[in-house]
Amino acid sequence: MIAINGIYNGKDFIPLDNFPKKKKFKVVITFIEEIAMNESEDIRNFSAQTKGLSFWKDEREDIYQDYLEKM
């Protein structure tokens, strides 16, 4: 049994994972949860946040400089 993730957009099934394409398989399609209309935009906005990289501005986190000082 092979399970892959995908999205159904109301018309087409869009696979999000690779799957064997040269063989025939019986399939079971399970609808897990409805995607909100703006969910893809929410995901894009979440991944574009810069807060997660704010530690780069903190000199205490600059381990590369610590390495250079020890050389």
PDB file of N, CA and C in Angstrom:
ATOM      1  N   MET A   1       0.844  -1.174   0.000  1.00  0.00           N
ATOM      2  CA  MET A   1       0.000   0.000   0.000  1.00  0.00           C
ATOM      3  C   MET A   1       0.887   1.234   0.000  1.00  0.00           C
ATOM      4  N   ILE A   2       0.569   2.165  -0.831  1.00  0.00           N
ATOM      5  CA  ILE A   2       1.289   3.433  -0.935  1.00  0.00           C
ATOM      6  C   ILE A   2       0.302   4.550  -0.628  1.00  0.00           C
ATOM      7  N   ALA A   3       0.692   5.468   0.228  1.00  0.00           N
ATOM      8  CA  ALA A   3      -0.160   6.610   0.541  1.00  0.00           C
ATOM      9  C   ALA A   3       0.567   7.883   0.134  1.00  0.00           C
ATOM     10  N   ILE A   4      -0.128   8.776  -0.536  1.00  0.00           N
ATOM     11  CA  ILE A   4       0.456  10.058  -0.917  1.00  0.00           C
ATOM     12  C   ILE A   4      -0.491  11.174  -0.493  1.00  0.00           C
ATOM     13  N   ASN A   5       0.062  12.350  -0.346  1.00  0.00           N
ATOM     14  CA  ASN A   5      -0.748  13.530  -0.060  1.00  0.00           C
ATOM     15  C   ASN A   5      -1.160  14.181  -1.367  1.00  0.00           C
ATOM     16  N   GLY A   6      -2.276  14.848  -1.353  1.00  0.00           N
ATOM     17  CA  GLY A   6      -2.748  15.545  -2.535  1.00  0.00           C
ATOM     18  C   GLY A   6      -3.837  16.523  -2.165  1.00  0.00           C
ATOM     19  N   ILE A   7      -4.269  17.270  -3.134  1.00  0.00           N
ATOM     20  CA  ILE A   7      -5.334  18.253  -2.959  1.00  0.00           C
ATOM     21  C   ILE A   7      -6.364  18.038  -4.058  1.00  0.00           C
ATOM     22  N   TYR A   8      -7.616  18.132  -3.682  1.00  0.00           N
ATOM     23  CA  TYR A   8      -8.703  18.113  -4.656  1.00  0.00           C
ATOM     24  C   TYR A   8      -9.254  19.529  -4.707  1.00  0.00           C
ATOM     25  N   ASN A   9      -9.186  20.172  -5.847  1.00  0.00           N
ATOM     26  CA  ASN A   9      -9.592  21.576  -5.963  1.00  0.00           C
ATOM     27  C   ASN A   9     -11.045  21.744  -6.426  1.00  0.00           C
ATOM     28  N   GLY A  10     -11.810  20.682  -6.358  1.00  0.00           N
ATOM     29  CA  GLY A  10     -13.196  20.738  -6.806  1.00  0.00           C
ATOM     30  C   GLY A  10     -13.353  20.212  -8.212  1.00  0.00           C
ATOM     31  N   LYS A  11     -12.241  20.031  -8.914  1.00  0.00           N
ATOM     32  CA  LYS A  11     -12.269  19.530 -10.281  1.00  0.00           C
ATOM     33  C   LYS A  11     -11.220  18.449 -10.511  1.00  0.00           C
ATOM     34  N   ASP A  12      -9.995  18.709 -10.059  1.00  0.00           N
ATOM     35  CA  ASP A  12      -8.866  17.808 -10.309  1.00  0.00           C
ATOM     36  C   ASP A  12      -8.213  17.383  -9.000  1.00  0.00           C
ATOM     37  N   PHE A  13      -7.588  16.212  -9.028  1.00  0.00           N
ATOM     38  CA  PHE A  13      -6.752  15.772  -7.926  1.00  0.00           C
ATOM     39  C   PHE A  13      -5.322  16.166  -8.251  1.00  0.00           C
ATOM     40  N   ILE A  14      -4.681  16.850  -7.327  1.00  0.00           N
ATOM     41  CA  ILE A  14      -3.313  17.315  -7.527  1.00  0.00           C
ATOM     42  C   ILE A  14      -2.419  16.584  -6.533  1.00  0.00           C
ATOM     43  N   PRO A  15      -1.591  15.640  -7.002  1.00  0.00           N
ATOM     44  CA  PRO A  15      -0.712  14.922  -6.075  1.00  0.00           C
ATOM     45  C   PRO A  15       0.392  15.849  -5.572  1.00  0.00           C
ATOM     46  N   LEU A  16       0.707  15.736  -4.281  1.00  0.00           N
ATOM     47  CA  LEU A  16       1.782  16.522  -3.688  1.00  0.00           C
ATOM     48  C   LEU A  16       3.028  15.672  -3.451  1.00  0.00           C
ATOM     49  N   ASP A  17       2.919  14.379  -3.653  1.00  0.00           N
ATOM     50  CA  ASP A  17       4.039  13.462  -3.484  1.00  0.00           C
ATOM     51  C   ASP A  17       4.226  12.661  -4.763  1.00  0.00           C
ATOM     52  N   ASN A  18       5.405  12.091  -4.899  1.00  0.00           N
ATOM     53  CA  ASN A  18       5.665  11.213  -6.043  1.00  0.00           C
ATOM     54  C   ASN A  18       4.920   9.903  -5.864  1.00  0.00           C
ATOM     55  N   PHE A  19       4.569   9.283  -6.960  1.00  0.00           N
ATOM     56  CA  PHE A  19       3.893   7.989  -6.920  1.00  0.00           C
ATOM     57  C   PHE A  19       4.258   7.227  -8.186  1.00  0.00           C
ATOM     58  N   PRO A  20       4.154   5.888  -8.154  1.00  0.00           N
ATOM     59  CA  PRO A  20       4.487   5.083  -9.335  1.00  0.00           C
ATOM     60  C   PRO A  20       3.487   5.345 -10.457  1.00  0.00           C
ATOM     61  N   LYS A  21       3.992   5.705 -11.609  1.00  0.00           N
ATOM     62  CA  LYS A  21       3.111   6.081 -12.720  1.00  0.00           C
ATOM     63  C   LYS A  21       3.030   5.024 -13.807  1.00  0.00           C
ATOM     64  N   LYS A  22       3.867   4.012 -13.763  1.00  0.00           N
ATOM     65  CA  LYS A  22       3.909   3.027 -14.843  1.00  0.00           C
ATOM     66  C   LYS A  22       3.085   1.784 -14.541  1.00  0.00           C
ATOM     67  N   LYS A  23       2.497   1.696 -13.344  1.00  0.00           N
ATOM     68  CA  LYS A  23       1.711   0.522 -12.980  1.00  0.00           C
ATOM     69  C   LYS A  23       0.280   0.933 -12.697  1.00  0.00           C
ATOM     70  N   LYS A  24      -0.603  -0.033 -12.751  1.00  0.00           N
ATOM     71  CA  LYS A  24      -2.005   0.219 -12.419  1.00  0.00           C
ATOM     72  C   LYS A  24      -2.234  -0.162 -10.960  1.00  0.00           C
ATOM     73  N   PHE A  25      -2.984   0.661 -10.261  1.00  0.00           N
ATOM     74  CA  PHE A  25      -3.285   0.419  -8.852  1.00  0.00           C
ATOM     75  C   PHE A  25      -4.765   0.636  -8.590  1.00  0.00           C
ATOM     76  N   LYS A  26      -5.307  -0.099  -7.650  1.00  0.00           N
ATOM     77  CA  LYS A  26      -6.592   0.248  -7.075  1.00  0.00           C
ATOM     78  C   LYS A  26      -6.310   1.381  -6.104  1.00  0.00           C
ATOM     79  N   VAL A  27      -7.210   2.346  -6.006  1.00  0.00           N
ATOM     80  CA  VAL A  27      -6.982   3.467  -5.094  1.00  0.00           C
ATOM     81  C   VAL A  27      -8.190   3.680  -4.190  1.00  0.00           C
ATOM     82  N   VAL A  28      -7.927   4.251  -3.050  1.00  0.00           N
ATOM     83  CA  VAL A  28      -8.961   4.706  -2.127  1.00  0.00           C
ATOM     84  C   VAL A  28      -8.684   6.181  -1.898  1.00  0.00           C
ATOM     85  N   ILE A  29      -9.652   7.011  -2.184  1.00  0.00           N
ATOM     86  CA  ILE A  29      -9.483   8.447  -2.002  1.00  0.00           C
ATOM     87  C   ILE A  29     -10.232   8.843  -0.738  1.00  0.00           C
ATOM     88  N   THR A  30      -9.523   9.449   0.199  1.00  0.00           N
ATOM     89  CA  THR A  30     -10.099   9.858   1.476  1.00  0.00           C
ATOM     90  C   THR A  30     -10.035  11.367   1.588  1.00  0.00           C
ATOM     91  N   PHE A  31     -11.161  11.993   1.780  1.00  0.00           N
ATOM     92  CA  PHE A  31     -11.206  13.437   1.972  1.00  0.00           C
ATOM     93  C   PHE A  31     -11.018  13.698   3.462  1.00  0.00           C
ATOM     94  N   ILE A  32      -9.875  14.285   3.836  1.00  0.00           N
ATOM     95  CA  ILE A  32      -9.515  14.457   5.234  1.00  0.00           C
ATOM     96  C   ILE A  32     -10.156  15.696   5.838  1.00  0.00           C
ATOM     97  N   GLU A  33      -9.939  16.842   5.231  1.00  0.00           N
ATOM     98  CA  GLU A  33     -10.546  18.074   5.728  1.00  0.00           C
ATOM     99  C   GLU A  33     -10.639  19.085   4.602  1.00  0.00           C
ATOM    100  N   GLU A  34     -11.621  19.931   4.698  1.00  0.00           N
ATOM    101  CA  GLU A  34     -11.802  20.969   3.691  1.00  0.00           C
ATOM    102  C   GLU A  34     -10.760  22.060   3.897  1.00  0.00           C
ATOM    103  N   ILE A  35     -10.199  22.532   2.805  1.00  0.00           N
ATOM    104  CA  ILE A  35      -9.218  23.614   2.857  1.00  0.00           C
ATOM    105  C   ILE A  35      -9.969  24.931   2.748  1.00  0.00           C
ATOM    106  N   ALA A  36      -9.714  25.823   3.692  1.00  0.00           N
ATOM    107  CA  ALA A  36     -10.342  27.140   3.645  1.00  0.00           C
ATOM    108  C   ALA A  36      -9.877  27.860   2.383  1.00  0.00           C
ATOM    109  N   MET A  37     -10.713  28.711   1.851  1.00  0.00           N
ATOM    110  CA  MET A  37     -10.387  29.396   0.601  1.00  0.00           C
ATOM    111  C   MET A  37      -9.096  30.202   0.707  1.00  0.00           C
ATOM    112  N   ASN A  38      -8.787  30.745   1.871  1.00  0.00           N
ATOM    113  CA  ASN A  38      -7.590  31.568   2.004  1.00  0.00           C
ATOM    114  C   ASN A  38      -6.454  30.816   2.691  1.00  0.00           C
ATOM    115  N   GLU A  39      -6.585  29.499   2.882  1.00  0.00           N
ATOM    116  CA  GLU A  39      -5.558  28.742   3.588  1.00  0.00           C
ATOM    117  C   GLU A  39      -4.230  28.766   2.845  1.00  0.00           C
ATOM    118  N   SER A  40      -4.240  28.648   1.516  1.00  0.00           N
ATOM    119  CA  SER A  40      -2.981  28.671   0.789  1.00  0.00           C
ATOM    120  C   SER A  40      -2.302  30.028   0.954  1.00  0.00           C
ATOM    121  N   GLU A  41      -3.086  31.078   1.018  1.00  0.00           N
ATOM    122  CA  GLU A  41      -2.506  32.402   1.257  1.00  0.00           C
ATOM    123  C   GLU A  41      -1.975  32.507   2.679  1.00  0.00           C
ATOM    124  N   ASP A  42      -2.676  31.919   3.641  1.00  0.00           N
ATOM    125  CA  ASP A  42      -2.211  31.917   5.023  1.00  0.00           C
ATOM    126  C   ASP A  42      -0.878  31.188   5.139  1.00  0.00           C
ATOM    127  N   ILE A  43      -0.752  30.043   4.457  1.00  0.00           N
ATOM    128  CA  ILE A  43       0.498  29.281   4.483  1.00  0.00           C
ATOM    129  C   ILE A  43       1.630  30.104   3.872  1.00  0.00           C
ATOM    130  N   ARG A  44       1.353  30.756   2.747  1.00  0.00           N
ATOM    131  CA  ARG A  44       2.369  31.584   2.097  1.00  0.00           C
ATOM    132  C   ARG A  44       2.805  32.721   3.017  1.00  0.00           C
ATOM    133  N   ASN A  45       1.853  33.377   3.656  1.00  0.00           N
ATOM    134  CA  ASN A  45       2.185  34.475   4.556  1.00  0.00           C
ATOM    135  C   ASN A  45       2.969  33.984   5.771  1.00  0.00           C
ATOM    136  N   PHE A  46       2.589  32.823   6.298  1.00  0.00           N
ATOM    137  CA  PHE A  46       3.288  32.277   7.448  1.00  0.00           C
ATOM    138  C   PHE A  46       4.742  31.973   7.104  1.00  0.00           C
ATOM    139  N   SER A  47       4.966  31.365   5.943  1.00  0.00           N
ATOM    140  CA  SER A  47       6.327  31.002   5.569  1.00  0.00           C
ATOM    141  C   SER A  47       7.170  32.220   5.214  1.00  0.00           C
ATOM    142  N   ALA A  48       6.528  33.337   4.921  1.00  0.00           N
ATOM    143  CA  ALA A  48       7.262  34.551   4.580  1.00  0.00           C
ATOM    144  C   ALA A  48       7.604  35.400   5.799  1.00  0.00           C
ATOM    145  N   GLN A  49       7.215  34.950   6.982  1.00  0.00           N
ATOM    146  CA  GLN A  49       7.524  35.716   8.186  1.00  0.00           C
ATOM    147  C   GLN A  49       9.025  35.810   8.383  1.00  0.00           C
ATOM    148  N   THR A  50       9.475  36.955   8.817  1.00  0.00           N
ATOM    149  CA  THR A  50      10.905  37.128   9.068  1.00  0.00           C
ATOM    150  C   THR A  50      11.232  37.028  10.549  1.00  0.00           C
ATOM    151  N   LYS A  51      10.247  36.922  11.403  1.00  0.00           N
ATOM    152  CA  LYS A  51      10.482  36.837  12.843  1.00  0.00           C
ATOM    153  C   LYS A  51      11.345  35.636  13.200  1.00  0.00           C
ATOM    154  N   GLY A  52      11.192  34.558  12.467  1.00  0.00           N
ATOM    155  CA  GLY A  52      11.943  33.348  12.767  1.00  0.00           C
ATOM    156  C   GLY A  52      13.439  33.494  12.539  1.00  0.00           C
ATOM    157  N   LEU A  53      13.837  34.482  11.774  1.00  0.00           N
ATOM    158  CA  LEU A  53      15.258  34.687  11.497  1.00  0.00           C
ATOM    159  C   LEU A  53      15.827  35.903  12.222  1.00  0.00           C
ATOM    160  N   SER A  54      15.060  36.481  13.129  1.00  0.00           N
ATOM    161  CA  SER A  54      15.521  37.685  13.826  1.00  0.00           C
ATOM    162  C   SER A  54      16.731  37.403  14.710  1.00  0.00           C
ATOM    163  N   PHE A  55      16.971  36.132  15.056  1.00  0.00           N
ATOM    164  CA  PHE A  55      18.128  35.807  15.884  1.00  0.00           C
ATOM    165  C   PHE A  55      19.441  36.154  15.178  1.00  0.00           C
ATOM    166  N   TRP A  56      19.421  36.247  13.846  1.00  0.00           N
ATOM    167  CA  TRP A  56      20.641  36.589  13.119  1.00  0.00           C
ATOM    168  C   TRP A  56      21.167  37.968  13.515  1.00  0.00           C
ATOM    169  N   LYS A  57      20.292  38.848  13.954  1.00  0.00           N
ATOM    170  CA  LYS A  57      20.697  40.194  14.339  1.00  0.00           C
ATOM    171  C   LYS A  57      21.285  40.236  15.747  1.00  0.00           C
ATOM    172  N   ASP A  58      21.149  39.164  16.504  1.00  0.00           N
ATOM    173  CA  ASP A  58      21.633  39.103  17.879  1.00  0.00           C
ATOM    174  C   ASP A  58      23.092  38.652  17.866  1.00  0.00           C
ATOM    175  N   GLU A  59      23.983  39.510  18.321  1.00  0.00           N
ATOM    176  CA  GLU A  59      25.417  39.185  18.308  1.00  0.00           C
ATOM    177  C   GLU A  59      25.729  37.953  19.152  1.00  0.00           C
ATOM    178  N   ARG A  60      24.929  37.666  20.162  1.00  0.00           N
ATOM    179  CA  ARG A  60      25.166  36.482  21.000  1.00  0.00           C
ATOM    180  C   ARG A  60      24.978  35.198  20.205  1.00  0.00           C
ATOM    181  N   GLU A  61      24.260  35.253  19.107  1.00  0.00           N
ATOM    182  CA  GLU A  61      23.993  34.077  18.284  1.00  0.00           C
ATOM    183  C   GLU A  61      25.004  33.907  17.150  1.00  0.00           C
ATOM    184  N   ASP A  62      25.967  34.785  17.067  1.00  0.00           N
ATOM    185  CA  ASP A  62      26.935  34.754  15.965  1.00  0.00           C
ATOM    186  C   ASP A  62      28.044  33.752  16.277  1.00  0.00           C
ATOM    187  N   ILE A  63      27.758  32.467  16.075  1.00  0.00           N
ATOM    188  CA  ILE A  63      28.724  31.428  16.415  1.00  0.00           C
ATOM    189  C   ILE A  63      29.905  31.403  15.442  1.00  0.00           C
ATOM    190  N   TYR A  64      29.712  31.928  14.254  1.00  0.00           N
ATOM    191  CA  TYR A  64      30.812  31.958  13.303  1.00  0.00           C
ATOM    192  C   TYR A  64      31.924  32.871  13.805  1.00  0.00           C
ATOM    193  N   GLN A  65      31.559  34.014  14.367  1.00  0.00           N
ATOM    194  CA  GLN A  65      32.575  34.935  14.908  1.00  0.00           C
ATOM    195  C   GLN A  65      33.292  34.290  16.085  1.00  0.00           C
ATOM    196  N   ASP A  66      32.577  33.533  16.913  1.00  0.00           N
ATOM    197  CA  ASP A  66      33.216  32.814  18.022  1.00  0.00           C
ATOM    198  C   ASP A  66      34.257  31.847  17.483  1.00  0.00           C
ATOM    199  N   TYR A  67      33.941  31.180  16.395  1.00  0.00           N
ATOM    200  CA  TYR A  67      34.872  30.229  15.791  1.00  0.00           C
ATOM    201  C   TYR A  67      36.126  30.953  15.285  1.00  0.00           C
ATOM    202  N   LEU A  68      35.944  32.097  14.644  1.00  0.00           N
ATOM    203  CA  LEU A  68      37.081  32.838  14.116  1.00  0.00           C
ATOM    204  C   LEU A  68      37.985  33.356  15.238  1.00  0.00           C
ATOM    205  N   GLU A  69      37.384  33.747  16.352  1.00  0.00           N
ATOM    206  CA  GLU A  69      38.180  34.257  17.481  1.00  0.00           C
ATOM    207  C   GLU A  69      39.042  33.161  18.096  1.00  0.00           C
ATOM    208  N   LYS A  70      38.614  31.915  18.030  1.00  0.00           N
ATOM    209  CA  LYS A  70      39.374  30.809  18.617  1.00  0.00           C
ATOM    210  C   LYS A  70      40.529  30.373  17.727  1.00  0.00           C
ATOM    211  N   MET A  71      40.522  30.778  16.480  1.00  0.00           N
ATOM    212  CA  MET A  71      41.578  30.349  15.549  1.00  0.00           C
ATOM    213  C   MET A  71      42.849  31.104  15.763  1.00  0.00           C
TER     214      MET A  71
END
